[in-house]
């Protein structure tokens, strides 16, 4: 994946989920400056960070079917009842994205949060 593709992923996160560079850095456990370098095409993510970034983007894309961008960001960083009080962003960080996606699917199918 080249730098332009990473920049597009970051732009999608901003547009669909109001996810800022500092949010991405926090989820990926890296420095905000690193995300800025990715956005400029001056550096590329390591494989683990890239996987987490792609998972985050996919989750935010799914949330776009339910929420406005600010609401999607709030959902992502708030404790969720259907996740037993866990925070979706932290689960993504732990590579437990499937659990988050299962809850989103439940919500899309009509289960209330």
N, C-alpha and C. Protein backbone atom coordinates (compact mmCIF):
# COMPACT_ATOMS: atom_id res chain seq x y z
N UNK A 1 0.87 -1.18 0.00
CA UNK A 1 0.00 0.00 0.00
C UNK A 1 0.90 1.23 0.00
N UNK A 2 0.71 2.12 -0.94
CA UNK A 2 1.59 3.28 -0.99
C UNK A 2 1.10 4.40 -0.10
N UNK A 3 1.92 5.45 0.03
CA UNK A 3 1.60 6.58 0.90
C UNK A 3 0.30 7.25 0.55
N UNK A 4 -0.02 7.35 -0.73
CA UNK A 4 -1.27 7.99 -1.13
C UNK A 4 -2.47 7.18 -0.64
N UNK A 5 -2.34 5.86 -0.66
CA UNK A 5 -3.43 5.01 -0.18
C UNK A 5 -3.63 5.20 1.32
N UNK A 6 -2.55 5.31 2.07
CA UNK A 6 -2.66 5.55 3.51
C UNK A 6 -3.31 6.90 3.77
N UNK A 7 -2.90 7.91 3.02
CA UNK A 7 -3.50 9.24 3.18
C UNK A 7 -5.00 9.18 2.90
N UNK A 8 -5.40 8.39 1.91
CA UNK A 8 -6.83 8.25 1.61
C UNK A 8 -7.57 7.57 2.77
N UNK A 9 -6.93 6.58 3.37
CA UNK A 9 -7.54 5.90 4.53
C UNK A 9 -7.72 6.89 5.68
N UNK A 10 -6.73 7.69 5.92
CA UNK A 10 -6.81 8.69 7.00
C UNK A 10 -7.90 9.72 6.71
N UNK A 11 -8.02 10.11 5.44
CA UNK A 11 -9.06 11.06 5.06
C UNK A 11 -10.44 10.45 5.25
N UNK A 12 -10.61 9.18 4.91
CA UNK A 12 -11.88 8.49 5.11
C UNK A 12 -12.24 8.46 6.60
N UNK A 13 -11.25 8.17 7.44
CA UNK A 13 -11.50 8.16 8.88
C UNK A 13 -11.99 9.53 9.36
N UNK A 14 -11.39 10.59 8.84
CA UNK A 14 -11.79 11.95 9.22
C UNK A 14 -13.21 12.25 8.74
N UNK A 15 -13.48 11.92 7.49
CA UNK A 15 -14.78 12.27 6.90
C UNK A 15 -15.93 11.44 7.46
N UNK A 16 -15.73 10.15 7.62
CA UNK A 16 -16.83 9.28 8.04
C UNK A 16 -16.95 9.13 9.54
N UNK A 17 -15.85 9.41 10.27
CA UNK A 17 -15.90 9.18 11.71
C UNK A 17 -15.37 10.31 12.56
N UNK A 18 -15.08 11.45 11.95
CA UNK A 18 -14.48 12.57 12.69
C UNK A 18 -13.26 12.11 13.50
N UNK A 19 -12.54 11.13 12.95
CA UNK A 19 -11.37 10.59 13.63
C UNK A 19 -10.16 11.44 13.25
N UNK A 20 -9.56 12.04 14.25
CA UNK A 20 -8.41 12.91 14.04
C UNK A 20 -7.12 12.09 14.04
N UNK A 21 -6.06 12.69 13.58
CA UNK A 21 -4.76 12.01 13.56
C UNK A 21 -4.36 11.56 14.96
N UNK A 22 -4.62 12.37 15.97
CA UNK A 22 -4.27 11.99 17.34
C UNK A 22 -5.08 10.78 17.80
N UNK A 23 -6.33 10.66 17.33
CA UNK A 23 -7.13 9.48 17.65
C UNK A 23 -6.51 8.23 17.03
N UNK A 24 -6.10 8.35 15.77
CA UNK A 24 -5.45 7.23 15.08
C UNK A 24 -4.18 6.84 15.83
N UNK A 25 -3.40 7.83 16.20
CA UNK A 25 -2.15 7.57 16.92
C UNK A 25 -2.43 6.85 18.24
N UNK A 26 -3.46 7.27 18.95
CA UNK A 26 -3.78 6.63 20.22
C UNK A 26 -4.21 5.18 20.03
N UNK A 27 -5.06 4.92 19.05
CA UNK A 27 -5.51 3.55 18.80
C UNK A 27 -4.34 2.68 18.37
N UNK A 28 -3.45 3.21 17.55
CA UNK A 28 -2.33 2.43 17.04
C UNK A 28 -1.13 2.44 17.99
N UNK A 29 -1.23 3.22 19.08
CA UNK A 29 -0.16 3.34 20.07
C UNK A 29 1.15 3.81 19.43
N UNK A 30 1.01 4.88 18.65
CA UNK A 30 2.17 5.50 18.02
C UNK A 30 2.09 7.00 18.26
N UNK A 31 3.09 7.72 17.83
CA UNK A 31 3.11 9.17 18.01
C UNK A 31 2.29 9.84 16.90
N UNK A 32 1.60 10.93 17.23
CA UNK A 32 0.84 11.67 16.21
C UNK A 32 1.72 12.11 15.03
N UNK A 33 2.98 12.40 15.30
CA UNK A 33 3.89 12.81 14.24
C UNK A 33 4.07 11.71 13.20
N UNK A 34 4.01 10.47 13.65
CA UNK A 34 4.13 9.34 12.73
C UNK A 34 2.94 9.30 11.78
N UNK A 35 1.75 9.53 12.32
CA UNK A 35 0.55 9.57 11.48
C UNK A 35 0.66 10.71 10.48
N UNK A 36 1.18 11.84 10.92
CA UNK A 36 1.37 12.98 10.03
C UNK A 36 2.32 12.64 8.89
N UNK A 37 3.40 11.91 9.19
CA UNK A 37 4.35 11.51 8.14
C UNK A 37 3.68 10.55 7.15
N UNK A 38 2.83 9.65 7.66
CA UNK A 38 2.09 8.76 6.77
C UNK A 38 1.22 9.56 5.83
N UNK A 39 0.53 10.55 6.40
CA UNK A 39 -0.40 11.37 5.64
C UNK A 39 0.33 12.14 4.54
N UNK A 40 1.57 12.49 4.78
CA UNK A 40 2.37 13.23 3.81
C UNK A 40 3.11 12.30 2.85
N UNK A 41 3.01 10.99 3.07
CA UNK A 41 3.72 10.04 2.22
C UNK A 41 5.21 9.94 2.52
N UNK A 42 5.64 10.46 3.68
CA UNK A 42 7.06 10.45 4.04
C UNK A 42 7.46 9.18 4.79
N UNK A 43 6.47 8.42 5.24
CA UNK A 43 6.74 7.16 5.95
C UNK A 43 5.56 6.24 5.70
N UNK A 44 5.76 4.98 6.04
CA UNK A 44 4.71 3.98 5.85
C UNK A 44 4.53 3.19 7.13
N UNK A 45 3.32 2.74 7.40
CA UNK A 45 3.10 1.99 8.63
C UNK A 45 3.76 0.60 8.59
N UNK A 46 4.16 0.16 9.75
CA UNK A 46 4.62 -1.22 9.90
C UNK A 46 3.41 -2.13 9.71
N UNK A 47 3.61 -3.40 9.39
CA UNK A 47 2.48 -4.30 9.10
C UNK A 47 1.42 -4.36 10.20
N UNK A 48 1.82 -4.41 11.47
CA UNK A 48 0.84 -4.48 12.54
C UNK A 48 0.01 -3.20 12.62
N UNK A 49 0.68 -2.05 12.50
CA UNK A 49 -0.03 -0.77 12.53
C UNK A 49 -0.94 -0.63 11.32
N UNK A 50 -0.48 -1.10 10.18
CA UNK A 50 -1.30 -1.04 8.96
C UNK A 50 -2.56 -1.88 9.12
N UNK A 51 -2.42 -3.06 9.68
CA UNK A 51 -3.59 -3.92 9.90
C UNK A 51 -4.60 -3.23 10.82
N UNK A 52 -4.11 -2.65 11.90
CA UNK A 52 -5.01 -1.98 12.84
C UNK A 52 -5.66 -0.76 12.19
N UNK A 53 -4.90 -0.04 11.40
CA UNK A 53 -5.45 1.12 10.67
C UNK A 53 -6.57 0.68 9.73
N UNK A 54 -6.34 -0.40 9.00
CA UNK A 54 -7.35 -0.91 8.07
C UNK A 54 -8.59 -1.41 8.82
N UNK A 55 -8.38 -2.05 9.96
CA UNK A 55 -9.52 -2.48 10.77
C UNK A 55 -10.32 -1.27 11.27
N UNK A 56 -9.60 -0.26 11.73
CA UNK A 56 -10.26 0.95 12.22
C UNK A 56 -11.08 1.60 11.11
N UNK A 57 -10.50 1.69 9.93
CA UNK A 57 -11.23 2.28 8.81
C UNK A 57 -12.48 1.46 8.47
N UNK A 58 -12.36 0.15 8.48
CA UNK A 58 -13.51 -0.70 8.16
C UNK A 58 -14.62 -0.51 9.19
N UNK A 59 -14.27 -0.46 10.45
CA UNK A 59 -15.27 -0.25 11.50
C UNK A 59 -15.94 1.11 11.33
N UNK A 60 -15.16 2.13 11.08
CA UNK A 60 -15.73 3.47 10.89
C UNK A 60 -16.65 3.49 9.67
N UNK A 61 -16.27 2.80 8.62
CA UNK A 61 -17.12 2.71 7.44
C UNK A 61 -18.46 2.06 7.80
N UNK A 62 -18.43 0.99 8.59
CA UNK A 62 -19.66 0.33 9.02
C UNK A 62 -20.50 1.25 9.90
N UNK A 63 -19.85 1.99 10.78
CA UNK A 63 -20.57 2.92 11.65
C UNK A 63 -21.25 4.02 10.84
N UNK A 64 -20.69 4.32 9.67
CA UNK A 64 -21.28 5.34 8.80
C UNK A 64 -22.68 4.99 8.35
N UNK A 65 -23.03 3.70 8.41
CA UNK A 65 -24.39 3.28 8.07
C UNK A 65 -25.37 3.55 9.22
N UNK A 66 -24.83 3.86 10.38
CA UNK A 66 -25.67 4.07 11.57
C UNK A 66 -25.66 5.51 12.07
N UNK A 67 -24.51 6.15 11.97
CA UNK A 67 -24.31 7.42 12.66
C UNK A 67 -23.70 8.48 11.75
N UNK A 68 -23.90 9.72 12.17
CA UNK A 68 -23.17 10.85 11.60
C UNK A 68 -21.73 10.75 12.10
N UNK A 69 -20.77 11.41 11.44
CA UNK A 69 -19.37 11.27 11.83
C UNK A 69 -19.07 11.53 13.31
N UNK A 70 -19.60 12.61 13.88
CA UNK A 70 -19.33 12.90 15.29
C UNK A 70 -19.90 11.81 16.19
N UNK A 71 -21.06 11.28 15.83
CA UNK A 71 -21.68 10.21 16.61
C UNK A 71 -20.87 8.92 16.50
N UNK A 72 -20.34 8.65 15.31
CA UNK A 72 -19.51 7.46 15.11
C UNK A 72 -18.27 7.52 15.99
N UNK A 73 -17.64 8.69 16.04
CA UNK A 73 -16.45 8.86 16.89
C UNK A 73 -16.81 8.65 18.35
N UNK A 74 -17.89 9.23 18.78
CA UNK A 74 -18.33 9.07 20.17
C UNK A 74 -18.58 7.60 20.50
N UNK A 75 -19.24 6.88 19.60
CA UNK A 75 -19.52 5.46 19.81
C UNK A 75 -18.21 4.68 19.94
N UNK A 76 -17.28 4.98 19.07
CA UNK A 76 -16.02 4.25 19.02
C UNK A 76 -15.20 4.40 20.31
N UNK A 77 -15.30 5.55 20.95
CA UNK A 77 -14.48 5.82 22.13
C UNK A 77 -15.26 5.78 23.44
N UNK A 78 -16.49 5.26 23.41
CA UNK A 78 -17.32 5.16 24.61
C UNK A 78 -17.53 3.70 24.99
N UNK A 79 -17.74 3.47 26.25
CA UNK A 79 -18.08 2.12 26.70
C UNK A 79 -19.42 1.72 26.11
N UNK A 80 -19.51 0.46 25.66
CA UNK A 80 -20.71 -0.02 25.00
C UNK A 80 -21.31 -1.19 25.78
N UNK A 81 -22.60 -1.08 26.05
CA UNK A 81 -23.31 -2.11 26.79
C UNK A 81 -23.20 -3.48 26.10
N UNK A 82 -23.37 -3.49 24.78
CA UNK A 82 -23.32 -4.76 24.06
C UNK A 82 -21.91 -5.36 23.99
N UNK A 83 -20.93 -4.62 24.43
CA UNK A 83 -19.56 -5.12 24.53
C UNK A 83 -19.16 -5.29 26.00
N UNK A 84 -20.16 -5.46 26.84
CA UNK A 84 -19.93 -5.63 28.29
C UNK A 84 -19.12 -4.48 28.88
N UNK A 85 -19.42 -3.26 28.42
CA UNK A 85 -18.77 -2.07 28.96
C UNK A 85 -17.39 -1.79 28.40
N UNK A 86 -16.98 -2.54 27.41
CA UNK A 86 -15.68 -2.30 26.81
C UNK A 86 -15.76 -1.18 25.77
N UNK A 87 -14.63 -0.61 25.47
CA UNK A 87 -14.53 0.50 24.51
C UNK A 87 -14.11 -0.06 23.15
N UNK A 88 -14.92 0.15 22.11
CA UNK A 88 -14.60 -0.41 20.79
C UNK A 88 -13.19 -0.08 20.29
N UNK A 89 -12.74 1.15 20.46
CA UNK A 89 -11.40 1.52 19.98
C UNK A 89 -10.32 0.68 20.65
N UNK A 90 -10.52 0.38 21.93
CA UNK A 90 -9.53 -0.43 22.65
C UNK A 90 -9.56 -1.88 22.15
N UNK A 91 -10.73 -2.39 21.81
CA UNK A 91 -10.82 -3.74 21.26
C UNK A 91 -10.12 -3.82 19.91
N UNK A 92 -10.30 -2.79 19.09
CA UNK A 92 -9.61 -2.75 17.79
C UNK A 92 -8.10 -2.74 18.02
N UNK A 93 -7.66 -1.95 18.99
CA UNK A 93 -6.25 -1.88 19.34
C UNK A 93 -5.70 -3.26 19.73
N UNK A 94 -6.55 -4.08 20.36
CA UNK A 94 -6.16 -5.41 20.82
C UNK A 94 -6.39 -6.48 19.75
N UNK A 95 -6.69 -6.06 18.54
CA UNK A 95 -6.97 -6.96 17.41
C UNK A 95 -8.20 -7.83 17.68
N UNK A 96 -9.20 -7.22 18.34
CA UNK A 96 -10.46 -7.90 18.62
C UNK A 96 -11.58 -7.23 17.83
N UNK A 97 -11.27 -6.85 16.62
CA UNK A 97 -12.18 -6.11 15.75
C UNK A 97 -13.45 -6.91 15.46
N UNK A 98 -13.34 -8.21 15.36
CA UNK A 98 -14.51 -9.04 15.05
C UNK A 98 -15.60 -8.84 16.10
N UNK A 99 -15.22 -8.69 17.36
CA UNK A 99 -16.22 -8.45 18.41
C UNK A 99 -16.96 -7.13 18.17
N UNK A 100 -16.22 -6.12 17.77
CA UNK A 100 -16.82 -4.81 17.48
C UNK A 100 -17.76 -4.92 16.28
N UNK A 101 -17.31 -5.60 15.25
CA UNK A 101 -18.14 -5.76 14.06
C UNK A 101 -19.41 -6.56 14.35
N UNK A 102 -19.32 -7.54 15.23
CA UNK A 102 -20.51 -8.31 15.59
C UNK A 102 -21.55 -7.42 16.26
N UNK A 103 -21.12 -6.52 17.11
CA UNK A 103 -22.05 -5.60 17.77
C UNK A 103 -22.66 -4.64 16.75
N UNK A 104 -21.85 -4.12 15.85
CA UNK A 104 -22.37 -3.23 14.81
C UNK A 104 -23.41 -3.96 13.97
N UNK A 105 -23.12 -5.20 13.64
CA UNK A 105 -24.10 -6.01 12.88
C UNK A 105 -25.41 -6.15 13.65
N UNK A 106 -25.32 -6.41 14.96
CA UNK A 106 -26.51 -6.51 15.79
C UNK A 106 -27.32 -5.21 15.76
N UNK A 107 -26.63 -4.11 15.86
CA UNK A 107 -27.29 -2.80 15.84
C UNK A 107 -27.96 -2.58 14.48
N UNK A 108 -27.25 -2.91 13.42
CA UNK A 108 -27.80 -2.76 12.08
C UNK A 108 -29.05 -3.63 11.89
N UNK A 109 -29.09 -4.76 12.59
CA UNK A 109 -30.23 -5.65 12.50
C UNK A 109 -31.36 -5.27 13.43
N UNK A 110 -31.17 -4.17 14.18
CA UNK A 110 -32.27 -3.65 14.98
C UNK A 110 -32.13 -3.73 16.48
N UNK A 111 -31.04 -4.26 16.98
CA UNK A 111 -30.82 -4.29 18.41
C UNK A 111 -30.39 -2.89 18.85
N UNK A 112 -31.00 -2.37 19.88
CA UNK A 112 -30.67 -1.04 20.38
C UNK A 112 -29.46 -1.10 21.29
N UNK A 113 -28.64 -0.04 21.24
CA UNK A 113 -27.48 0.07 22.14
C UNK A 113 -27.98 0.57 23.49
